[in-house]
Amino acid sequence: MGKLLSDQRGKELTNINAIIGQSGAGKSTLADAFGFLADCLDKGVEIACDLNGRGGFEKLISQGESGTIEFELYYRETSNTSPITYELSISLDKTGRPIVEKERLRQRRANERHGRPLSFLYLEKGKGFAFKGDNSGVYEENDSEFGEKVNVELADPRQLGIVTLGELKEHPRIVKFKNFLKNWYLCYFSPSAAREIPNAGPQKYLNRLGNNLNNVAEFLQREDPSEFKKVLKDIQTKLPGIARIEPVKLINGQLVLEFLEEGFTKPFYSQKMSDGTLKLFAYYLLLHEKQPRPLVFIEEPENGLYHKYLADLANEMRKSVKSGYSKQLFITTHSPFFVNALEPNEVWVLEKHEDGFSTIKRASDYENVKELREQGVDLGDLWYSDYFG
């Protein structure tokens, strides 16, 4: 998807990217690819292969295939920095257990606009080198080196090298990349989980299930009470039938949210709200993060929501990512109403072929889609009418 160091023909990804396609095309698999990378960072590659019902390395590789599982991430911290490429290969060791076969980070020097980037981290099975500082590395083609090089040997080759080196201040670029990957948010919001009564205590971010809604509200209340009231007031205008949302502190110090529904005189706690209202509230709270996480992945936000709310949600998502490089959203969806709010370069189509493999391309790359959209035809309507995908 998008532009890679290994494939410069692609265009950069937009800040909001919706993935559509028929059931079984691979949307959930693509979402889990992001989750797998996050789990590799947090748990190591062997455990990541087994988590969340993945079934181990042998189930992750495609049927009939052998060799390594490979990833390439191409990203930029800011508009003023050169892109960084992260390459990861995972294979099996002699005992049949998953291992980090290869790991590499590359970036051009600060004063270079073109040409091949330098490698500033390179490990094979836990052994290799890293360069200190933020403008150093080696041109692997001719072994030209810049800066201070240190030899590296990890105690556990099943752990990513960026986990260890990303804790050392002499490797600032590795630290930044580790934090970028660590702060990805993969949303698996569950209304039933969100109704649980959490332990008291502020938490900065929503967790994967969203069962810490009240803890996040408590954090925002403590950080800036007046700003939090503004956030709640803005969110309540987007929740149908909700006249007011108020934070209420209980005797034990815990903060909970009260929702006053139109037509009722007494408010409800979040535990008594409908699935759809809770889900919308969680999404809008996520979009109001003061220090947004760099990458957010949401699967099928339309589930349990009235279809007329989806275009507004998509528009709010676009507004939340703004421009620049601070935040990027990925969404899988089956809803043409959600897609109607997007542009052809923001939508990717997964198509499964007879050989069992899927390909992905932008909606703007389909014949006539861009022209019809420019004439005012909504993209979701084109998709529903089989003009593409």
Protein backbone atom coordinates (compact mmCIF):
# COMPACT_ATOMS: atom_id res chain seq x y z
CA MET A 1 0.00 0.00 0.00
CA GLY A 2 1.30 3.44 -0.88
CA LYS A 3 4.94 4.36 -1.33
CA LEU A 4 7.81 2.15 -0.20
CA LEU A 5 11.57 2.34 -0.43
CA SER A 6 11.42 -0.88 -2.46
CA ASP A 7 8.64 0.52 -4.69
CA GLN A 8 8.82 4.27 -5.27
CA ARG A 9 6.06 4.19 -7.90
CA GLY A 10 3.29 4.36 -5.34
CA LYS A 11 1.84 7.56 -3.90
CA GLU A 12 2.02 8.37 -0.21
CA LEU A 13 -0.87 7.13 1.89
CA THR A 14 -3.42 9.74 2.92
CA ASN A 15 -4.10 10.46 6.59
CA ILE A 16 -7.35 8.49 6.41
CA ASN A 17 -7.44 5.15 4.57
CA ALA A 18 -10.57 3.02 4.32
CA ILE A 19 -10.24 -0.60 3.19
CA ILE A 20 -13.25 -2.16 1.48
CA GLY A 21 -13.94 -5.43 -0.29
CA GLN A 22 -16.10 -8.53 -0.26
CA SER A 23 -16.23 -10.83 2.76
CA GLY A 24 -13.22 -13.12 2.78
CA ALA A 25 -11.05 -10.77 0.73
CA GLY A 26 -8.68 -10.17 3.64
CA LYS A 27 -9.74 -6.98 5.44
CA SER A 28 -9.47 -8.52 8.91
CA THR A 29 -6.21 -10.18 7.91
CA LEU A 30 -4.81 -6.80 6.90
CA ALA A 31 -5.95 -5.33 10.21
CA ASP A 32 -4.27 -8.19 12.06
CA ALA A 33 -1.01 -7.54 10.20
CA PHE A 34 -0.86 -4.25 12.10
CA GLY A 35 -1.79 -6.06 15.30
CA PHE A 36 0.86 -8.70 14.69
CA LEU A 37 3.61 -6.08 14.39
CA ALA A 38 2.43 -4.42 17.60
CA ASP A 39 2.44 -7.82 19.35
CA CYS A 40 5.95 -8.59 18.05
CA LEU A 41 7.14 -5.40 19.71
CA ASP A 42 5.31 -6.09 22.96
CA LYS A 43 5.63 -9.87 23.34
CA GLY A 44 8.31 -11.07 20.90
CA VAL A 45 7.80 -12.84 17.59
CA GLU A 46 7.18 -16.35 18.94
CA ILE A 47 4.33 -15.33 21.24
CA ALA A 48 2.95 -12.94 18.60
CA CYS A 49 2.58 -15.86 16.18
CA ASP A 50 0.28 -17.63 18.65
CA LEU A 51 -1.72 -14.70 20.06
CA ASN A 52 -5.34 -13.94 19.13
CA GLY A 53 -5.94 -17.34 17.55
CA ARG A 54 -3.25 -16.93 14.89
CA GLY A 55 -2.20 -20.55 15.30
CA GLY A 56 1.56 -20.20 15.04
CA PHE A 57 4.03 -19.46 12.24
CA GLU A 58 2.80 -22.30 10.03
CA LYS A 59 -0.73 -20.86 10.00
CA LEU A 60 0.44 -17.33 9.30
CA ILE A 61 2.27 -18.06 6.05
CA SER A 62 0.10 -18.67 3.01
CA GLN A 63 -0.84 -22.23 2.13
CA GLY A 64 1.71 -23.82 -0.15
CA GLU A 65 4.32 -21.18 0.67
CA SER A 66 7.54 -21.48 2.66
CA GLY A 67 10.27 -19.13 3.75
CA THR A 68 10.00 -15.94 5.76
CA ILE A 69 7.26 -13.54 6.83
CA GLU A 70 8.41 -10.09 5.73
CA PHE A 71 7.31 -6.54 6.50
CA GLU A 72 8.44 -3.19 5.18
CA LEU A 73 7.27 0.04 6.84
CA TYR A 74 8.04 3.37 5.21
CA TYR A 75 7.18 6.37 7.35
CA ARG A 76 8.12 9.95 8.10
CA GLU A 77 8.24 11.63 11.53
CA THR A 78 7.65 15.18 10.22
CA SER A 79 7.63 17.01 6.90
CA ASN A 80 11.20 18.16 7.60
CA THR A 81 12.72 14.72 8.20
CA SER A 82 13.76 12.06 5.70
CA PRO A 83 11.61 8.90 5.52
CA ILE A 84 12.66 5.91 7.61
CA THR A 85 12.37 2.33 6.35
CA TYR A 86 11.94 -0.55 8.77
CA GLU A 87 12.39 -4.07 7.42
CA LEU A 88 11.54 -7.17 9.44
CA SER A 89 11.87 -10.83 8.44
CA ILE A 90 10.65 -13.69 10.63
CA SER A 91 11.58 -17.33 10.04
CA LEU A 92 12.00 -20.58 11.96
CA ASP A 93 15.19 -21.66 13.73
CA LYS A 94 16.62 -25.19 13.70
CA THR A 95 14.17 -26.25 16.39
CA GLY A 96 11.17 -24.97 14.44
CA ARG A 97 10.53 -21.93 16.65
CA PRO A 98 9.95 -18.42 15.24
CA ILE A 99 12.97 -16.13 15.27
CA VAL A 100 13.81 -12.63 14.00
CA GLU A 101 15.71 -13.51 10.85
CA LYS A 102 16.56 -9.91 9.87
CA GLU A 103 15.85 -6.43 11.16
CA ARG A 104 16.99 -3.20 9.54
CA LEU A 105 16.37 0.55 9.84
CA ARG A 106 17.44 2.92 7.07
CA GLN A 107 17.33 6.68 6.49
CA ARG A 108 19.08 9.23 4.29
CA ARG A 109 21.38 11.72 6.00
CA ALA A 110 19.83 15.07 6.95
CA ASN A 111 21.50 17.02 4.14
CA GLU A 112 20.65 14.49 1.41
CA ARG A 113 17.44 14.74 -0.63
CA HIS A 114 18.08 11.88 -3.05
CA GLY A 115 19.98 8.62 -3.26
CA ARG A 116 20.07 5.43 -1.23
CA PRO A 117 19.58 5.67 2.54
CA LEU A 118 22.11 4.53 5.12
CA SER A 119 21.49 1.56 7.41
CA PHE A 120 21.71 2.61 11.05
CA LEU A 121 20.48 -0.70 12.48
CA TYR A 122 21.11 -4.11 10.96
CA LEU A 123 20.66 -7.43 12.76
CA GLU A 124 20.61 -11.02 11.54
CA LYS A 125 19.37 -13.52 14.14
CA GLY A 126 20.12 -11.03 16.88
CA LYS A 127 23.67 -10.14 15.77
CA GLY A 128 24.79 -7.06 13.88
CA PHE A 129 25.39 -3.35 14.41
CA ALA A 130 23.78 -0.05 15.26
CA PHE A 131 24.97 3.54 14.78
CA LYS A 132 24.73 6.15 17.51
CA GLY A 133 23.31 9.62 16.91
CA ASP A 134 20.74 10.86 14.43
CA ASN A 135 22.78 11.40 11.25
CA SER A 136 24.94 8.29 10.94
CA GLY A 137 24.97 4.91 9.26
CA VAL A 138 26.57 2.86 6.51
CA TYR A 139 26.05 2.63 2.76
CA GLU A 140 25.87 -1.13 2.44
CA GLU A 141 26.68 -0.96 -1.28
CA ASN A 142 30.23 0.33 -0.69
CA ASP A 143 30.71 0.10 3.11
CA SER A 144 31.11 3.88 3.50
CA GLU A 145 30.42 4.68 7.17
CA PHE A 146 29.45 7.88 8.97
CA GLY A 147 29.34 8.22 12.74
CA GLU A 148 30.02 5.81 15.60
CA LYS A 149 29.22 2.16 15.01
CA VAL A 150 28.59 -0.34 17.83
CA ASN A 151 28.38 -4.11 17.57
CA VAL A 152 25.15 -5.66 18.88
CA GLU A 153 24.33 -9.17 20.07
CA LEU A 154 20.91 -9.74 21.63
CA ALA A 155 20.41 -12.24 24.46
CA ASP A 156 17.08 -13.34 22.94
CA PRO A 157 16.84 -13.35 19.12
CA ARG A 158 13.05 -13.80 19.40
CA GLN A 159 12.77 -10.20 20.60
CA LEU A 160 12.97 -7.22 18.25
CA GLY A 161 16.24 -5.31 18.42
CA ILE A 162 14.37 -2.02 18.55
CA VAL A 163 12.94 -3.09 21.95
CA THR A 164 16.39 -3.09 23.59
CA LEU A 165 18.10 -0.34 21.61
CA GLY A 166 14.98 1.81 21.75
CA GLU A 167 15.65 2.33 25.47
CA LEU A 168 19.08 3.90 24.93
CA LYS A 169 19.33 7.67 24.43
CA GLU A 170 22.44 7.30 22.23
CA HIS A 171 20.13 5.81 19.57
CA PRO A 172 17.52 8.60 19.21
CA ARG A 173 16.13 7.43 15.87
CA ILE A 174 15.55 3.91 17.19
CA VAL A 175 13.89 5.40 20.27
CA LYS A 176 11.55 7.45 18.08
CA PHE A 177 10.70 4.50 15.84
CA LYS A 178 10.03 2.21 18.80
CA ASN A 179 7.70 4.84 20.29
CA PHE A 180 5.96 5.23 16.92
CA LEU A 181 5.24 1.49 16.78
CA LYS A 182 4.46 1.22 20.51
CA ASN A 183 1.81 3.94 20.30
CA TRP A 184 -0.29 2.33 17.55
CA TYR A 185 -3.90 1.88 18.64
CA LEU A 186 -5.91 -1.07 17.34
CA CYS A 187 -9.54 -0.61 18.31
CA TYR A 188 -11.65 -3.64 19.21
CA PHE A 189 -14.35 -1.71 21.03
CA SER A 190 -16.86 -3.86 22.90
CA PRO A 191 -20.01 -2.21 24.36
CA SER A 192 -20.35 -5.02 26.92
CA ALA A 193 -16.76 -4.47 28.05
CA ALA A 194 -17.34 -0.71 28.19
CA ARG A 195 -20.18 -1.29 30.66
CA GLU A 196 -17.86 -2.86 33.21
CA ILE A 197 -17.31 -0.84 36.36
CA PRO A 198 -13.58 -0.01 36.18
CA ASN A 199 -11.24 0.59 39.07
CA ALA A 200 -10.79 4.23 39.95
CA GLY A 201 -7.80 6.01 38.47
CA PRO A 202 -7.11 8.23 35.47
CA GLN A 203 -5.83 6.72 32.22
CA LYS A 204 -4.63 8.80 29.29
CA TYR A 205 -5.82 6.63 26.42
CA LEU A 206 -8.64 4.26 25.58
CA ASN A 207 -7.55 0.64 25.65
CA ARG A 208 -8.36 -1.84 22.89
CA LEU A 209 -11.75 -2.92 24.27
CA GLY A 210 -12.75 0.55 25.46
CA ASN A 211 -13.64 -0.69 28.95
CA ASN A 212 -11.76 2.24 30.51
CA LEU A 213 -14.04 4.99 29.17
CA ASN A 214 -14.60 6.44 32.63
CA ASN A 215 -10.87 6.28 33.45
CA VAL A 216 -10.08 8.32 30.33
CA ALA A 217 -12.80 10.78 31.27
CA GLU A 218 -11.20 11.08 34.71
CA PHE A 219 -7.81 11.79 33.14
CA LEU A 220 -9.22 14.50 30.88
CA GLN A 221 -11.12 16.02 33.81
CA ARG A 222 -7.96 16.21 35.91
CA GLU A 223 -5.81 17.57 33.11
CA ASP A 224 -8.09 20.44 32.11
CA PRO A 225 -11.66 20.53 33.49
CA SER A 226 -12.83 23.44 31.32
CA GLU A 227 -11.43 21.89 28.14
CA PHE A 228 -13.01 18.54 29.02
CA LYS A 229 -16.41 20.20 29.35
CA LYS A 230 -15.93 21.67 25.88
CA VAL A 231 -15.09 18.21 24.54
CA LEU A 232 -18.21 16.69 26.13
CA LYS A 233 -20.35 19.51 24.80
CA ASP A 234 -18.99 18.97 21.30
CA ILE A 235 -19.50 15.20 21.49
CA GLN A 236 -23.07 15.46 22.80
CA THR A 237 -24.10 17.40 19.68
CA LYS A 238 -23.10 14.36 17.62
CA LEU A 239 -24.90 11.74 19.73
CA PRO A 240 -28.56 11.41 18.72
CA GLY A 241 -31.03 11.97 21.53
CA ILE A 242 -28.43 13.09 24.07
CA ALA A 243 -29.12 16.49 25.63
CA ARG A 244 -26.16 16.61 28.01
CA ILE A 245 -23.14 14.62 29.23
CA GLU A 246 -21.80 15.35 32.70
CA PRO A 247 -18.84 13.92 34.63
CA VAL A 248 -19.82 12.94 38.19
CA LYS A 249 -17.43 12.07 40.99
CA LEU A 250 -18.48 9.24 43.31
CA ILE A 251 -17.73 8.96 47.02
CA ASN A 252 -14.83 6.57 46.39
CA GLY A 253 -13.16 9.17 44.15
CA GLN A 254 -14.15 7.43 40.93
CA LEU A 255 -15.42 9.54 38.05
CA VAL A 256 -18.33 8.30 35.94
CA LEU A 257 -20.26 9.82 33.07
CA GLU A 258 -23.95 10.69 33.18
CA PHE A 259 -25.95 10.90 29.96
CA LEU A 260 -29.17 12.91 29.98
CA GLU A 261 -31.42 11.68 27.20
CA GLU A 262 -34.05 13.92 25.64
CA GLY A 263 -37.49 13.20 27.12
CA PHE A 264 -36.10 11.96 30.47
CA THR A 265 -35.71 13.92 33.69
CA LYS A 266 -33.06 11.68 35.26
CA PRO A 267 -29.72 10.84 33.64
CA PHE A 268 -28.30 7.39 32.90
CA TYR A 269 -24.79 6.17 33.66
CA SER A 270 -22.76 4.88 30.73
CA GLN A 271 -23.48 1.30 31.91
CA LYS A 272 -27.16 1.79 30.95
CA MET A 273 -26.64 3.40 27.54
CA SER A 274 -27.36 1.63 24.25
CA ASP A 275 -24.59 -0.16 22.36
CA GLY A 276 -24.71 2.37 19.53
CA THR A 277 -24.53 5.42 21.80
CA LEU A 278 -21.62 3.97 23.77
CA LYS A 279 -19.79 3.08 20.59
CA LEU A 280 -20.26 6.52 19.05
CA PHE A 281 -19.16 8.17 22.28
CA ALA A 282 -16.01 6.04 22.40
CA TYR A 283 -15.12 6.89 18.79
CA TYR A 284 -15.64 10.62 19.31
CA LEU A 285 -13.65 10.54 22.55
CA LEU A 286 -10.88 8.79 20.62
CA LEU A 287 -10.96 11.52 17.96
CA HIS A 288 -10.60 14.22 20.65
CA GLU A 289 -7.26 12.98 22.03
CA LYS A 290 -5.06 15.97 22.85
CA GLN A 291 -1.88 14.02 22.08
CA PRO A 292 -3.12 11.67 19.35
CA ARG A 293 -1.55 8.31 18.77
CA PRO A 294 0.27 8.18 15.41
CA LEU A 295 -1.72 5.29 13.94
CA VAL A 296 -5.26 4.14 14.72
CA PHE A 297 -6.93 1.10 13.12
CA ILE A 298 -10.68 0.58 13.48
CA GLU A 299 -12.51 -2.44 12.11
CA GLU A 300 -16.04 -1.99 10.76
CA PRO A 301 -17.20 1.03 12.78
CA GLU A 302 -20.67 0.65 11.23
CA ASN A 303 -21.50 -2.46 13.29
CA GLY A 304 -24.37 -1.59 15.63
CA LEU A 305 -24.72 1.98 14.32
CA TYR A 306 -27.63 3.53 12.45
CA HIS A 307 -26.52 4.07 8.84
CA LYS A 308 -27.26 7.80 8.82
CA TYR A 309 -24.63 8.42 11.52
CA LEU A 310 -21.79 7.00 9.44
CA ALA A 311 -21.16 9.89 7.05
CA ASP A 312 -20.87 12.28 10.02
CA LEU A 313 -18.48 9.88 11.74
CA ALA A 314 -16.32 9.64 8.61
CA ASN A 315 -16.23 13.44 8.31
CA GLU A 316 -15.21 13.77 11.96
CA MET A 317 -12.47 11.20 11.41
CA ARG A 318 -11.10 13.20 8.51
CA LYS A 319 -11.19 16.42 10.57
CA SER A 320 -9.35 14.72 13.43
CA VAL A 321 -6.35 13.62 11.35
CA LYS A 322 -5.93 17.08 9.77
CA SER A 323 -2.80 17.44 7.64
CA GLY A 324 0.82 16.66 8.37
CA TYR A 325 2.27 13.54 9.96
CA SER A 326 0.92 13.48 13.51
CA LYS A 327 -1.95 11.01 13.02
CA GLN A 328 -3.14 8.41 10.52
CA LEU A 329 -6.38 6.44 10.49
CA PHE A 330 -7.07 3.04 8.90
CA ILE A 331 -10.63 1.72 8.78
CA THR A 332 -12.16 -1.44 7.33
CA THR A 333 -15.80 -1.11 6.33
CA HIS A 334 -18.68 -2.70 4.44
CA SER A 335 -20.75 0.49 4.51
CA PRO A 336 -21.31 2.57 1.34
CA PHE A 337 -22.71 5.31 3.62
CA PHE A 338 -19.31 5.62 5.31
CA VAL A 339 -17.50 5.51 1.96
CA ASN A 340 -19.77 8.27 0.61
CA ALA A 341 -17.94 10.76 2.83
CA LEU A 342 -14.52 9.84 1.39
CA GLU A 343 -12.53 10.59 -1.75
CA PRO A 344 -11.18 8.00 -4.23
CA ASN A 345 -7.58 8.40 -3.05
CA GLU A 346 -8.69 7.63 0.54
CA VAL A 347 -10.29 4.27 -0.26
CA TRP A 348 -8.49 0.99 -0.95
CA VAL A 349 -10.15 -2.07 -2.48
CA LEU A 350 -9.14 -5.62 -1.62
CA GLU A 351 -9.94 -8.19 -4.29
CA LYS A 352 -9.42 -11.92 -3.91
CA HIS A 353 -8.36 -13.88 -6.98
CA GLU A 354 -8.67 -17.49 -8.11
CA ASP A 355 -5.21 -18.38 -6.77
CA GLY A 356 -6.41 -17.49 -3.25
CA PHE A 357 -4.31 -14.35 -2.96
CA SER A 358 -5.68 -10.83 -2.69
CA THR A 359 -4.46 -7.62 -4.27
CA ILE A 360 -5.20 -4.09 -3.14
CA LYS A 361 -5.45 -0.82 -5.05
CA ARG A 362 -6.89 2.63 -4.64
CA ALA A 363 -10.41 3.39 -5.80
CA SER A 364 -8.93 6.30 -7.79
CA ASP A 365 -7.04 3.78 -9.93
CA TYR A 366 -10.26 2.27 -11.30
CA GLU A 367 -11.39 3.53 -14.70
CA ASN A 368 -13.90 6.42 -14.61
CA VAL A 369 -14.17 6.51 -10.79
CA LYS A 370 -12.26 9.75 -10.37
CA GLU A 371 -14.19 11.44 -13.19
CA LEU A 372 -17.60 10.35 -11.86
CA ARG A 373 -16.66 11.52 -8.37
CA GLU A 374 -15.65 14.93 -9.78
CA GLN A 375 -19.11 15.13 -11.36
CA GLY A 376 -20.66 14.84 -7.90
CA VAL A 377 -21.47 11.13 -7.66
CA ASP A 378 -20.73 9.85 -4.15
CA LEU A 379 -18.04 7.20 -3.95
CA GLY A 380 -20.07 4.77 -1.83
CA ASP A 381 -22.92 4.91 -4.36
CA LEU A 382 -20.45 4.06 -7.15
CA TRP A 383 -19.17 1.12 -5.12
CA TYR A 384 -22.70 -0.08 -4.32
CA SER A 385 -23.54 0.11 -8.03
CA ASP A 386 -20.52 -2.04 -8.95
CA TYR A 387 -18.57 0.67 -10.77
CA PHE A 388 -15.50 -0.64 -8.95
CA GLY A 389 -14.54 -3.25 -6.36
